[in-house]
Amino acid sequence: MSIVQIPLRLTTGAFVLNSGLNKRKLTDEQAEGLRQMAEKGLPAVKDMDAATFRRFLTYSEIGVGAALLLPVVPGWVAGTALSAFSAGLVNMYLNTPEMTEDDGVRPSQEGTSVAKDVIMLGAGVAVTLDSLVNRKASKRKAADKRARKISDAKSEKVEAIQEAAADRVDAINQAREEQVDALRKARKELKAQRKGK
């Protein structure tokens, strides 16, 4: 996890997790009111009863909040979960005329509390993108490190081969010189013996 993600994941994760934990206390009437509002952004919840919707919403918020707060969850997973969750809320906001001004975008008095979900959507996208970009960068850095190690090992091997070859040439030259000296000495001794006869 990159250091840039930490404040985004902590703040949004704590907010969403707290919201999910508080939704466990909703009455069926409150859950039904939320379901009717939510069906404008997520038509799939239209056929749910109040109790099922309350469980769905509670578990979704707790799951997204926990994913953001747990450092073992990869950033792209946590960011994608937050983005999907927030996108549904933003869609609900945009499809509820009472929550926006006449232009359909700016929040009305009733929509101000829901308009903050745009910030959570931005945080989710930021965490996802940061994770993907840093993941590629760290893979590239690791590949560069491996390439340097291979290059260094190759250079060391080449140097060792060159040193061995130089030692071999030195040994051959030394042996040749010793042979030449021995031959000269033998010739001198042979010459001396011939003169002595």
N, C-alpha and C. Protein backbone atom coordinates (compact mmCIF):
# COMPACT_ATOMS: atom_id res chain seq x y z
N MET A 1 0.86 -1.18 0.00
CA MET A 1 0.00 0.00 0.00
C MET A 1 0.90 1.23 0.00
N SER A 2 0.58 2.13 -0.89
CA SER A 2 1.35 3.37 -0.99
C SER A 2 0.93 4.33 0.13
N ILE A 3 1.84 5.20 0.52
CA ILE A 3 1.57 6.16 1.60
C ILE A 3 0.45 7.13 1.22
N VAL A 4 0.27 7.35 -0.06
CA VAL A 4 -0.78 8.25 -0.54
C VAL A 4 -2.16 7.68 -0.22
N GLN A 5 -2.27 6.36 -0.21
CA GLN A 5 -3.58 5.72 0.02
C GLN A 5 -4.01 5.76 1.48
N ILE A 6 -3.07 5.86 2.39
CA ILE A 6 -3.39 5.71 3.81
C ILE A 6 -4.48 6.68 4.29
N PRO A 7 -4.35 8.00 4.06
CA PRO A 7 -5.41 8.89 4.56
C PRO A 7 -6.76 8.64 3.89
N LEU A 8 -6.73 8.34 2.58
CA LEU A 8 -7.99 8.09 1.87
C LEU A 8 -8.67 6.83 2.40
N ARG A 9 -7.88 5.79 2.60
CA ARG A 9 -8.46 4.52 3.06
C ARG A 9 -8.93 4.62 4.51
N LEU A 10 -8.18 5.32 5.35
CA LEU A 10 -8.58 5.44 6.76
C LEU A 10 -9.87 6.25 6.91
N THR A 11 -9.93 7.41 6.27
CA THR A 11 -11.09 8.28 6.46
C THR A 11 -12.35 7.69 5.85
N THR A 12 -12.27 7.26 4.58
CA THR A 12 -13.48 6.70 3.95
C THR A 12 -13.84 5.36 4.57
N GLY A 13 -12.82 4.54 4.91
CA GLY A 13 -13.10 3.25 5.52
C GLY A 13 -13.81 3.38 6.85
N ALA A 14 -13.32 4.29 7.71
CA ALA A 14 -13.96 4.50 9.02
C ALA A 14 -15.38 5.02 8.85
N PHE A 15 -15.57 5.94 7.89
CA PHE A 15 -16.89 6.53 7.66
C PHE A 15 -17.88 5.46 7.19
N VAL A 16 -17.49 4.67 6.19
CA VAL A 16 -18.39 3.66 5.62
C VAL A 16 -18.65 2.54 6.63
N LEU A 17 -17.60 2.11 7.34
CA LEU A 17 -17.78 1.04 8.33
C LEU A 17 -18.73 1.49 9.44
N ASN A 18 -18.57 2.71 9.94
CA ASN A 18 -19.46 3.23 10.98
C ASN A 18 -20.90 3.31 10.47
N SER A 19 -21.04 3.76 9.23
CA SER A 19 -22.38 3.85 8.64
C SER A 19 -23.03 2.47 8.56
N GLY A 20 -22.23 1.46 8.15
CA GLY A 20 -22.76 0.10 8.06
C GLY A 20 -23.15 -0.46 9.42
N LEU A 21 -22.30 -0.21 10.43
CA LEU A 21 -22.61 -0.70 11.77
C LEU A 21 -23.88 -0.05 12.32
N ASN A 22 -24.06 1.23 12.03
CA ASN A 22 -25.27 1.93 12.50
C ASN A 22 -26.52 1.46 11.77
N LYS A 23 -26.38 0.97 10.55
CA LYS A 23 -27.56 0.53 9.78
C LYS A 23 -28.14 -0.77 10.33
N ARG A 24 -27.41 -1.46 11.19
CA ARG A 24 -27.95 -2.69 11.80
C ARG A 24 -29.15 -2.37 12.68
N LYS A 25 -29.25 -1.13 13.15
CA LYS A 25 -30.32 -0.73 14.09
C LYS A 25 -31.55 -0.19 13.37
N LEU A 26 -31.55 -0.17 12.03
CA LEU A 26 -32.68 0.39 11.29
C LEU A 26 -33.95 -0.43 11.51
N THR A 27 -35.06 0.29 11.62
CA THR A 27 -36.35 -0.40 11.68
C THR A 27 -36.75 -0.77 10.25
N ASP A 28 -37.76 -1.61 10.11
CA ASP A 28 -38.22 -2.00 8.77
C ASP A 28 -38.74 -0.79 8.00
N GLU A 29 -39.36 0.16 8.69
CA GLU A 29 -39.89 1.36 8.02
C GLU A 29 -38.74 2.21 7.48
N GLN A 30 -37.71 2.38 8.31
CA GLN A 30 -36.54 3.17 7.86
C GLN A 30 -35.84 2.47 6.69
N ALA A 31 -35.70 1.15 6.79
CA ALA A 31 -35.05 0.39 5.71
C ALA A 31 -35.87 0.49 4.43
N GLU A 32 -37.18 0.47 4.55
CA GLU A 32 -38.04 0.58 3.36
C GLU A 32 -37.88 1.95 2.71
N GLY A 33 -37.80 3.00 3.53
CA GLY A 33 -37.59 4.35 2.99
C GLY A 33 -36.25 4.44 2.25
N LEU A 34 -35.21 3.88 2.83
CA LEU A 34 -33.90 3.87 2.16
C LEU A 34 -33.95 3.04 0.88
N ARG A 35 -34.68 1.91 0.92
CA ARG A 35 -34.78 1.07 -0.27
C ARG A 35 -35.46 1.80 -1.42
N GLN A 36 -36.51 2.54 -1.09
CA GLN A 36 -37.21 3.30 -2.14
C GLN A 36 -36.30 4.37 -2.74
N MET A 37 -35.50 4.98 -1.90
CA MET A 37 -34.56 5.98 -2.41
C MET A 37 -33.46 5.29 -3.24
N ALA A 38 -32.98 4.14 -2.76
CA ALA A 38 -31.87 3.44 -3.41
C ALA A 38 -32.26 2.86 -4.76
N GLU A 39 -33.53 2.50 -4.92
CA GLU A 39 -33.93 1.87 -6.18
C GLU A 39 -33.81 2.82 -7.38
N LYS A 40 -33.70 4.12 -7.11
CA LYS A 40 -33.49 5.09 -8.20
C LYS A 40 -32.08 4.99 -8.77
N GLY A 41 -31.14 4.57 -7.92
CA GLY A 41 -29.76 4.41 -8.38
C GLY A 41 -29.40 2.98 -8.69
N LEU A 42 -30.05 2.05 -7.98
CA LEU A 42 -29.80 0.61 -8.17
C LEU A 42 -31.15 -0.09 -8.35
N PRO A 43 -31.60 -0.21 -9.58
CA PRO A 43 -32.92 -0.84 -9.81
C PRO A 43 -33.03 -2.27 -9.28
N ALA A 44 -31.92 -2.96 -9.08
CA ALA A 44 -31.94 -4.34 -8.61
C ALA A 44 -32.53 -4.47 -7.21
N VAL A 45 -32.48 -3.41 -6.41
CA VAL A 45 -33.01 -3.49 -5.04
C VAL A 45 -34.52 -3.28 -4.99
N LYS A 46 -35.14 -3.02 -6.12
CA LYS A 46 -36.58 -2.75 -6.17
C LYS A 46 -37.41 -3.92 -5.64
N ASP A 47 -36.97 -5.14 -5.91
CA ASP A 47 -37.74 -6.33 -5.52
C ASP A 47 -37.40 -6.86 -4.13
N MET A 48 -36.48 -6.20 -3.42
CA MET A 48 -36.12 -6.66 -2.07
C MET A 48 -37.13 -6.17 -1.05
N ASP A 49 -37.34 -7.00 -0.02
CA ASP A 49 -38.17 -6.52 1.09
C ASP A 49 -37.27 -5.71 2.03
N ALA A 50 -37.85 -5.05 2.99
CA ALA A 50 -37.11 -4.13 3.86
C ALA A 50 -36.02 -4.84 4.65
N ALA A 51 -36.31 -6.02 5.19
CA ALA A 51 -35.33 -6.73 6.01
C ALA A 51 -34.14 -7.19 5.16
N THR A 52 -34.42 -7.70 3.96
CA THR A 52 -33.34 -8.14 3.06
C THR A 52 -32.49 -6.96 2.64
N PHE A 53 -33.14 -5.83 2.33
CA PHE A 53 -32.39 -4.65 1.92
C PHE A 53 -31.51 -4.14 3.05
N ARG A 54 -32.04 -4.15 4.30
CA ARG A 54 -31.25 -3.70 5.44
C ARG A 54 -29.99 -4.57 5.59
N ARG A 55 -30.15 -5.90 5.49
CA ARG A 55 -28.98 -6.79 5.57
C ARG A 55 -28.01 -6.53 4.41
N PHE A 56 -28.55 -6.38 3.20
CA PHE A 56 -27.71 -6.13 2.03
C PHE A 56 -26.89 -4.85 2.21
N LEU A 57 -27.57 -3.78 2.63
CA LEU A 57 -26.90 -2.49 2.80
C LEU A 57 -25.89 -2.54 3.95
N THR A 58 -26.29 -3.15 5.06
CA THR A 58 -25.40 -3.25 6.22
C THR A 58 -24.14 -4.03 5.88
N TYR A 59 -24.29 -5.21 5.29
CA TYR A 59 -23.13 -6.04 4.96
C TYR A 59 -22.27 -5.40 3.87
N SER A 60 -22.90 -4.71 2.93
CA SER A 60 -22.13 -4.04 1.88
C SER A 60 -21.26 -2.94 2.49
N GLU A 61 -21.84 -2.12 3.34
CA GLU A 61 -21.08 -1.02 3.94
C GLU A 61 -20.00 -1.55 4.88
N ILE A 62 -20.31 -2.56 5.67
CA ILE A 62 -19.30 -3.13 6.58
C ILE A 62 -18.17 -3.75 5.76
N GLY A 63 -18.51 -4.45 4.69
CA GLY A 63 -17.50 -5.08 3.84
C GLY A 63 -16.59 -4.07 3.16
N VAL A 64 -17.19 -3.02 2.60
CA VAL A 64 -16.39 -1.98 1.94
C VAL A 64 -15.52 -1.26 2.96
N GLY A 65 -16.09 -0.90 4.11
CA GLY A 65 -15.32 -0.21 5.15
C GLY A 65 -14.17 -1.04 5.67
N ALA A 66 -14.43 -2.34 5.90
CA ALA A 66 -13.37 -3.23 6.40
C ALA A 66 -12.27 -3.40 5.34
N ALA A 67 -12.67 -3.54 4.07
CA ALA A 67 -11.67 -3.69 3.00
C ALA A 67 -10.75 -2.47 2.94
N LEU A 68 -11.31 -1.30 3.15
CA LEU A 68 -10.50 -0.09 3.11
C LEU A 68 -9.56 0.01 4.31
N LEU A 69 -10.01 -0.45 5.47
CA LEU A 69 -9.22 -0.31 6.70
C LEU A 69 -8.15 -1.39 6.85
N LEU A 70 -8.35 -2.55 6.25
CA LEU A 70 -7.39 -3.65 6.41
C LEU A 70 -6.25 -3.49 5.42
N PRO A 71 -5.01 -3.34 5.90
CA PRO A 71 -3.89 -3.14 4.99
C PRO A 71 -3.56 -4.36 4.14
N VAL A 72 -4.04 -5.55 4.54
CA VAL A 72 -3.76 -6.75 3.73
C VAL A 72 -4.58 -6.79 2.45
N VAL A 73 -5.65 -6.00 2.40
CA VAL A 73 -6.47 -5.95 1.18
C VAL A 73 -5.76 -5.05 0.18
N PRO A 74 -5.47 -5.57 -1.02
CA PRO A 74 -4.78 -4.74 -2.03
C PRO A 74 -5.57 -3.46 -2.32
N GLY A 75 -4.85 -2.40 -2.61
CA GLY A 75 -5.48 -1.10 -2.86
C GLY A 75 -6.46 -1.12 -4.01
N TRP A 76 -6.13 -1.88 -5.07
CA TRP A 76 -7.04 -1.89 -6.22
C TRP A 76 -8.35 -2.58 -5.88
N VAL A 77 -8.32 -3.55 -4.96
CA VAL A 77 -9.55 -4.23 -4.55
C VAL A 77 -10.40 -3.29 -3.69
N ALA A 78 -9.75 -2.69 -2.68
CA ALA A 78 -10.47 -1.77 -1.79
C ALA A 78 -10.99 -0.56 -2.56
N GLY A 79 -10.15 -0.01 -3.45
CA GLY A 79 -10.55 1.16 -4.24
C GLY A 79 -11.70 0.85 -5.19
N THR A 80 -11.66 -0.32 -5.80
CA THR A 80 -12.74 -0.72 -6.71
C THR A 80 -14.04 -0.91 -5.94
N ALA A 81 -13.97 -1.52 -4.76
CA ALA A 81 -15.17 -1.71 -3.93
C ALA A 81 -15.78 -0.36 -3.55
N LEU A 82 -14.92 0.58 -3.11
CA LEU A 82 -15.42 1.91 -2.73
C LEU A 82 -15.99 2.64 -3.94
N SER A 83 -15.32 2.51 -5.08
CA SER A 83 -15.80 3.19 -6.30
C SER A 83 -17.16 2.65 -6.71
N ALA A 84 -17.33 1.33 -6.70
CA ALA A 84 -18.62 0.73 -7.09
C ALA A 84 -19.72 1.14 -6.13
N PHE A 85 -19.42 1.09 -4.84
CA PHE A 85 -20.41 1.46 -3.83
C PHE A 85 -20.80 2.93 -3.98
N SER A 86 -19.80 3.79 -4.14
CA SER A 86 -20.06 5.23 -4.26
C SER A 86 -20.77 5.56 -5.57
N ALA A 87 -20.43 4.84 -6.63
CA ALA A 87 -21.08 5.08 -7.93
C ALA A 87 -22.58 4.83 -7.83
N GLY A 88 -22.96 3.79 -7.08
CA GLY A 88 -24.38 3.53 -6.87
C GLY A 88 -25.05 4.67 -6.12
N LEU A 89 -24.37 5.22 -5.11
CA LEU A 89 -24.93 6.33 -4.34
C LEU A 89 -25.02 7.61 -5.19
N VAL A 90 -23.97 7.84 -6.00
CA VAL A 90 -23.99 9.03 -6.87
C VAL A 90 -25.09 8.89 -7.90
N ASN A 91 -25.27 7.68 -8.43
CA ASN A 91 -26.34 7.44 -9.41
C ASN A 91 -27.71 7.70 -8.78
N MET A 92 -27.88 7.26 -7.54
CA MET A 92 -29.13 7.52 -6.83
C MET A 92 -29.35 9.03 -6.66
N TYR A 93 -28.28 9.73 -6.28
CA TYR A 93 -28.34 11.18 -6.10
C TYR A 93 -28.76 11.88 -7.40
N LEU A 94 -28.12 11.48 -8.50
CA LEU A 94 -28.41 12.13 -9.79
C LEU A 94 -29.81 11.80 -10.32
N ASN A 95 -30.35 10.63 -9.94
CA ASN A 95 -31.67 10.22 -10.43
C ASN A 95 -32.81 10.58 -9.48
N THR A 96 -32.51 11.34 -8.44
CA THR A 96 -33.55 11.80 -7.51
C THR A 96 -33.69 13.31 -7.67
N PRO A 97 -34.72 13.78 -8.39
CA PRO A 97 -34.87 15.21 -8.69
C PRO A 97 -34.89 16.11 -7.45
N GLU A 98 -35.42 15.62 -6.33
CA GLU A 98 -35.50 16.45 -5.13
C GLU A 98 -34.12 16.75 -4.55
N MET A 99 -33.13 15.95 -4.89
CA MET A 99 -31.79 16.12 -4.31
C MET A 99 -30.92 17.09 -5.10
N THR A 100 -31.35 17.47 -6.30
CA THR A 100 -30.53 18.36 -7.12
C THR A 100 -31.30 19.63 -7.48
N GLU A 101 -30.52 20.66 -7.83
CA GLU A 101 -31.13 21.89 -8.33
C GLU A 101 -31.73 21.62 -9.72
N ASP A 102 -32.23 22.65 -10.34
CA ASP A 102 -32.87 22.48 -11.66
C ASP A 102 -31.90 21.95 -12.72
N ASP A 103 -30.59 22.20 -12.55
CA ASP A 103 -29.62 21.73 -13.55
C ASP A 103 -29.35 20.23 -13.44
N GLY A 104 -29.83 19.57 -12.38
CA GLY A 104 -29.68 18.14 -12.22
C GLY A 104 -28.33 17.69 -11.69
N VAL A 105 -27.45 18.64 -11.35
CA VAL A 105 -26.12 18.27 -10.87
C VAL A 105 -25.85 18.86 -9.49
N ARG A 106 -26.02 20.18 -9.36
CA ARG A 106 -25.74 20.82 -8.08
C ARG A 106 -26.74 20.36 -7.03
N PRO A 107 -26.29 20.14 -5.78
CA PRO A 107 -27.20 19.63 -4.76
C PRO A 107 -28.18 20.67 -4.25
N SER A 108 -29.38 20.21 -4.00
CA SER A 108 -30.37 21.05 -3.33
C SER A 108 -30.11 20.92 -1.83
N GLN A 109 -30.95 21.56 -1.01
CA GLN A 109 -30.79 21.46 0.44
C GLN A 109 -30.89 20.01 0.89
N GLU A 110 -31.84 19.27 0.32
CA GLU A 110 -32.03 17.86 0.70
C GLU A 110 -30.89 16.97 0.19
N GLY A 111 -30.26 17.36 -0.92
CA GLY A 111 -29.23 16.52 -1.54
C GLY A 111 -27.82 16.78 -1.07
N THR A 112 -27.63 17.82 -0.25
CA THR A 112 -26.27 18.16 0.20
C THR A 112 -25.61 17.02 0.96
N SER A 113 -26.39 16.34 1.81
CA SER A 113 -25.80 15.25 2.60
C SER A 113 -25.41 14.05 1.74
N VAL A 114 -26.06 13.88 0.60
CA VAL A 114 -25.75 12.76 -0.29
C VAL A 114 -24.68 13.14 -1.31
N ALA A 115 -24.53 14.42 -1.61
CA ALA A 115 -23.57 14.88 -2.62
C ALA A 115 -22.13 14.54 -2.22
N LYS A 116 -21.88 14.34 -0.94
CA LYS A 116 -20.54 13.98 -0.47
C LYS A 116 -20.06 12.66 -1.05
N ASP A 117 -20.99 11.86 -1.56
CA ASP A 117 -20.61 10.57 -2.13
C ASP A 117 -19.74 10.73 -3.37
N VAL A 118 -19.79 11.89 -3.98
CA VAL A 118 -18.89 12.18 -5.11
C VAL A 118 -17.44 12.17 -4.61
N ILE A 119 -17.23 12.67 -3.40
CA ILE A 119 -15.88 12.69 -2.82
C ILE A 119 -15.42 11.25 -2.57
N MET A 120 -16.33 10.40 -2.07
CA MET A 120 -15.95 9.00 -1.86
C MET A 120 -15.67 8.30 -3.19
N LEU A 121 -16.40 8.64 -4.23
CA LEU A 121 -16.14 8.07 -5.55
C LEU A 121 -14.75 8.48 -6.02
N GLY A 122 -14.41 9.76 -5.83
CA GLY A 122 -13.07 10.24 -6.19
C GLY A 122 -11.98 9.54 -5.39
N ALA A 123 -12.23 9.32 -4.11
CA ALA A 123 -11.25 8.62 -3.26
C ALA A 123 -11.06 7.18 -3.73
N GLY A 124 -12.16 6.53 -4.08
CA GLY A 124 -12.07 5.14 -4.57
C GLY A 124 -11.28 5.04 -5.86
N VAL A 125 -11.55 5.96 -6.77
CA VAL A 125 -10.81 5.97 -8.04
C VAL A 125 -9.33 6.27 -7.80
N ALA A 126 -9.05 7.21 -6.89
CA ALA A 126 -7.66 7.56 -6.58
C ALA A 126 -6.90 6.38 -5.99
N VAL A 127 -7.52 5.66 -5.05
CA VAL A 127 -6.87 4.50 -4.44
C VAL A 127 -6.61 3.42 -5.49
N THR A 128 -7.60 3.18 -6.35
CA THR A 128 -7.45 2.16 -7.40
C THR A 128 -6.33 2.53 -8.35
N LEU A 129 -6.35 3.76 -8.84
CA LEU A 129 -5.31 4.19 -9.80
C LEU A 129 -3.92 4.18 -9.17
N ASP A 130 -3.83 4.68 -7.95
CA ASP A 130 -2.53 4.69 -7.27
C ASP A 130 -1.99 3.27 -7.13
N SER A 131 -2.88 2.35 -6.78
CA SER A 131 -2.47 0.96 -6.62
C SER A 131 -1.96 0.38 -7.93
N LEU A 132 -2.69 0.63 -9.00
CA LEU A 132 -2.29 0.08 -10.30
C LEU A 132 -0.99 0.70 -10.81
N VAL A 133 -0.85 2.01 -10.63
CA VAL A 133 0.36 2.69 -11.10
C VAL A 133 1.57 2.26 -10.27
N ASN A 134 1.42 2.24 -8.96
CA ASN A 134 2.54 1.84 -8.10
C ASN A 134 2.88 0.37 -8.25
N ARG A 135 1.90 -0.44 -8.57
CA ARG A 135 2.14 -1.86 -8.78
C ARG A 135 3.04 -2.07 -9.99
N LYS A 136 2.74 -1.35 -11.07
CA LYS A 136 3.57 -1.45 -12.27
C LYS A 136 4.96 -0.89 -12.00
N ALA A 137 5.02 0.20 -11.24
CA ALA A 137 6.33 0.81 -10.94
C ALA A 137 7.18 -0.12 -10.09
N SER A 138 6.57 -0.77 -9.10
CA SER A 138 7.36 -1.68 -8.25
C SER A 138 7.78 -2.92 -9.02
N LYS A 139 6.94 -3.39 -9.94
CA LYS A 139 7.34 -4.52 -10.78
C LYS A 139 8.49 -4.11 -11.68
N ARG A 140 8.41 -2.91 -12.23
CA ARG A 140 9.49 -2.42 -13.10
C ARG A 140 10.79 -2.27 -12.30
N LYS A 141 10.66 -1.76 -11.06
CA LYS A 141 11.84 -1.59 -10.21
C LYS A 141 12.46 -2.95 -9.89
N ALA A 142 11.62 -3.95 -9.60
CA ALA A 142 12.14 -5.29 -9.30
C ALA A 142 12.80 -5.90 -10.53
N ALA A 143 12.21 -5.68 -11.70
CA ALA A 143 12.80 -6.20 -12.93
C ALA A 143 14.15 -5.54 -13.20
N ASP A 144 14.23 -4.23 -12.96
CA ASP A 144 15.51 -3.52 -13.14
C ASP A 144 16.56 -4.06 -12.18
N LYS A 145 16.15 -4.34 -10.95
CA LYS A 145 17.08 -4.85 -9.95
C LYS A 145 17.61 -6.23 -10.38
N ARG A 146 16.70 -7.10 -10.87
CA ARG A 146 17.13 -8.41 -11.36
C ARG A 146 18.07 -8.27 -12.54
N ALA A 147 17.76 -7.34 -13.45
CA ALA A 147 18.61 -7.14 -14.63
C ALA A 147 20.00 -6.66 -14.20
N ARG A 148 20.06 -5.77 -13.19
CA ARG A 148 21.36 -5.30 -12.69
C ARG A 148 22.15 -6.45 -12.07
N LYS A 149 21.45 -7.31 -11.30
CA LYS A 149 22.14 -8.45 -10.69
C LYS A 149 22.70 -9.37 -11.77
N ILE A 150 21.91 -9.63 -12.79
CA ILE A 150 22.36 -10.50 -13.87
C ILE A 150 23.54 -9.87 -14.59
N SER A 151 23.44 -8.58 -14.85
CA SER A 151 24.53 -7.87 -15.53
C SER A 151 25.80 -7.88 -14.69
N ASP A 152 25.65 -7.65 -13.37
CA ASP A 152 26.81 -7.67 -12.47
C ASP A 152 27.43 -9.06 -12.43
N ALA A 153 26.58 -10.08 -12.35
CA ALA A 153 27.09 -11.46 -12.32
C ALA A 153 27.81 -11.79 -13.63
N LYS A 154 27.24 -11.32 -14.72
CA LYS A 154 27.86 -11.55 -16.03
C LYS A 154 29.22 -10.85 -16.10
N SER A 155 29.27 -9.61 -15.62
CA SER A 155 30.54 -8.87 -15.62
C SER A 155 31.57 -9.57 -14.75
N GLU A 156 31.15 -10.05 -13.57
CA GLU A 156 32.07 -10.76 -12.68
C GLU A 156 32.58 -12.03 -13.34
N LYS A 157 31.69 -12.73 -14.04
CA LYS A 157 32.07 -13.96 -14.71
C LYS A 157 33.08 -13.68 -15.83
N VAL A 158 32.81 -12.63 -16.60
CA VAL A 158 33.72 -12.25 -17.69
C VAL A 158 35.08 -11.88 -17.12
N GLU A 159 35.07 -11.10 -16.02
CA GLU A 159 36.34 -10.72 -15.38
C GLU A 159 37.09 -11.95 -14.88
N ALA A 160 36.38 -12.90 -14.27
CA ALA A 160 37.01 -14.12 -13.77
C ALA A 160 37.62 -14.92 -14.92
N ILE A 161 36.89 -15.02 -16.03
CA ILE A 161 37.40 -15.74 -17.21
C ILE A 161 38.64 -15.04 -17.75
N GLN A 162 38.57 -13.72 -17.83
CA GLN A 162 39.73 -12.97 -18.34
C GLN A 162 40.94 -13.12 -17.42
N GLU A 163 40.72 -13.08 -16.09
CA GLU A 163 41.80 -13.27 -15.14
C GLU A 163 42.39 -14.67 -15.28
N ALA A 164 41.53 -15.68 -15.42
CA ALA A 164 41.99 -17.06 -15.57
C ALA A 164 42.81 -17.20 -16.85
N ALA A 165 42.33 -16.57 -17.91
CA ALA A 165 43.05 -16.64 -19.19
C ALA A 165 44.42 -15.95 -19.06
N ALA A 166 44.44 -14.80 -18.38
CA ALA A 166 45.70 -14.09 -18.19
C ALA A 166 46.66 -14.92 -17.33
N ASP A 167 46.14 -15.56 -16.27
CA ASP A 167 46.97 -16.42 -15.43
C ASP A 167 47.52 -17.60 -16.24
N ARG A 168 46.68 -18.13 -17.09
CA ARG A 168 47.11 -19.26 -17.93
C ARG A 168 48.23 -18.84 -18.88
N VAL A 169 48.03 -17.68 -19.50
CA VAL A 169 49.06 -17.15 -20.41
C VAL A 169 50.36 -16.91 -19.64
N ASP A 170 50.24 -16.34 -18.44
CA ASP A 170 51.44 -16.10 -17.61
C ASP A 170 52.12 -17.42 -17.27
N ALA A 171 51.34 -18.43 -16.91
CA ALA A 171 51.89 -19.74 -16.55
C ALA A 171 52.58 -20.37 -17.76
N ILE A 172 51.96 -20.25 -18.94
CA ILE A 172 52.57 -20.80 -20.17
C ILE A 172 53.88 -20.08 -20.46
N ASN A 173 53.86 -18.75 -20.37
CA ASN A 173 55.09 -17.97 -20.63
C ASN A 173 56.19 -18.32 -19.63
N GLN A 174 55.82 -18.46 -18.36
CA GLN A 174 56.81 -18.82 -17.33
C GLN A 174 57.38 -20.21 -17.60
N ALA A 175 56.52 -21.16 -17.96
CA ALA A 175 56.99 -22.52 -18.27
C ALA A 175 57.91 -22.50 -19.48
N ARG A 176 57.56 -21.70 -20.49
CA ARG A 176 58.39 -21.59 -21.70
C ARG A 176 59.77 -21.02 -21.35
N GLU A 177 59.75 -19.94 -20.50
CA GLU A 177 61.03 -19.35 -20.10
C GLU A 177 61.88 -20.35 -19.33
N GLU A 178 61.22 -21.13 -18.44
CA GLU A 178 61.96 -22.14 -17.68
C GLU A 178 62.55 -23.19 -18.62
N GLN A 179 61.77 -23.58 -19.63
CA GLN A 179 62.27 -24.56 -20.60
C GLN A 179 63.44 -24.00 -21.41
N VAL A 180 63.29 -22.73 -21.82
CA VAL A 180 64.36 -22.09 -22.59
C VAL A 180 65.62 -22.01 -21.74
N ASP A 181 65.48 -21.61 -20.45
CA ASP A 181 66.63 -21.54 -19.54
C ASP A 181 67.26 -22.92 -19.36
N ALA A 182 66.44 -23.94 -19.21
CA ALA A 182 66.95 -25.31 -19.02
C ALA A 182 67.69 -25.77 -20.28
N LEU A 183 67.15 -25.44 -21.45
CA LEU A 183 67.81 -25.80 -22.71
C LEU A 183 69.16 -25.08 -22.84
N ARG A 184 69.18 -23.80 -22.50
CA ARG A 184 70.43 -23.04 -22.57
C ARG A 184 71.48 -23.65 -21.62
N LYS A 185 71.02 -23.94 -20.41
CA LYS A 185 71.92 -24.52 -19.42
C LYS A 185 72.44 -25.87 -19.91
N ALA A 186 71.55 -26.66 -20.49
CA ALA A 186 71.96 -27.99 -21.00
C ALA A 186 72.95 -27.83 -22.15
N ARG A 187 72.74 -26.86 -23.02
CA ARG A 187 73.67 -26.62 -24.14
C ARG A 187 75.05 -26.23 -23.61
N LYS A 188 75.02 -25.33 -22.60
CA LYS A 188 76.31 -24.90 -22.02
C LYS A 188 77.05 -26.09 -21.42
N GLU A 189 76.31 -26.93 -20.69
CA GLU A 189 76.94 -28.09 -20.07
C GLU A 189 77.46 -29.05 -21.15
N LEU A 190 76.69 -29.23 -22.23
CA LEU A 190 77.12 -30.10 -23.31
C LEU A 190 78.35 -29.55 -24.00
N LYS A 191 78.37 -28.24 -24.20
CA LYS A 191 79.51 -27.57 -24.81
C LYS A 191 80.74 -27.75 -23.92
N ALA A 192 80.55 -27.57 -22.62
CA ALA A 192 81.65 -27.68 -21.67
C ALA A 192 82.19 -29.11 -21.67
N GLN A 193 81.32 -30.09 -21.74
CA GLN A 193 81.74 -31.48 -21.75
C GLN A 193 82.54 -31.79 -23.02
N ARG A 194 82.11 -31.25 -24.16
CA ARG A 194 82.80 -31.51 -25.42
C ARG A 194 84.21 -30.89 -25.40
N LYS A 195 84.29 -29.72 -24.84
CA LYS A 195 85.60 -29.06 -24.77
C LYS A 195 86.52 -29.82 -23.83
N GLY A 196 85.98 -30.37 -22.79
CA GLY A 196 86.78 -31.08 -21.79
C GLY A 196 87.32 -32.41 -22.34
N LYS A 197 86.81 -33.00 -23.38
CA LYS A 197 87.30 -34.25 -23.90
C LYS A 197 88.49 -34.02 -24.71
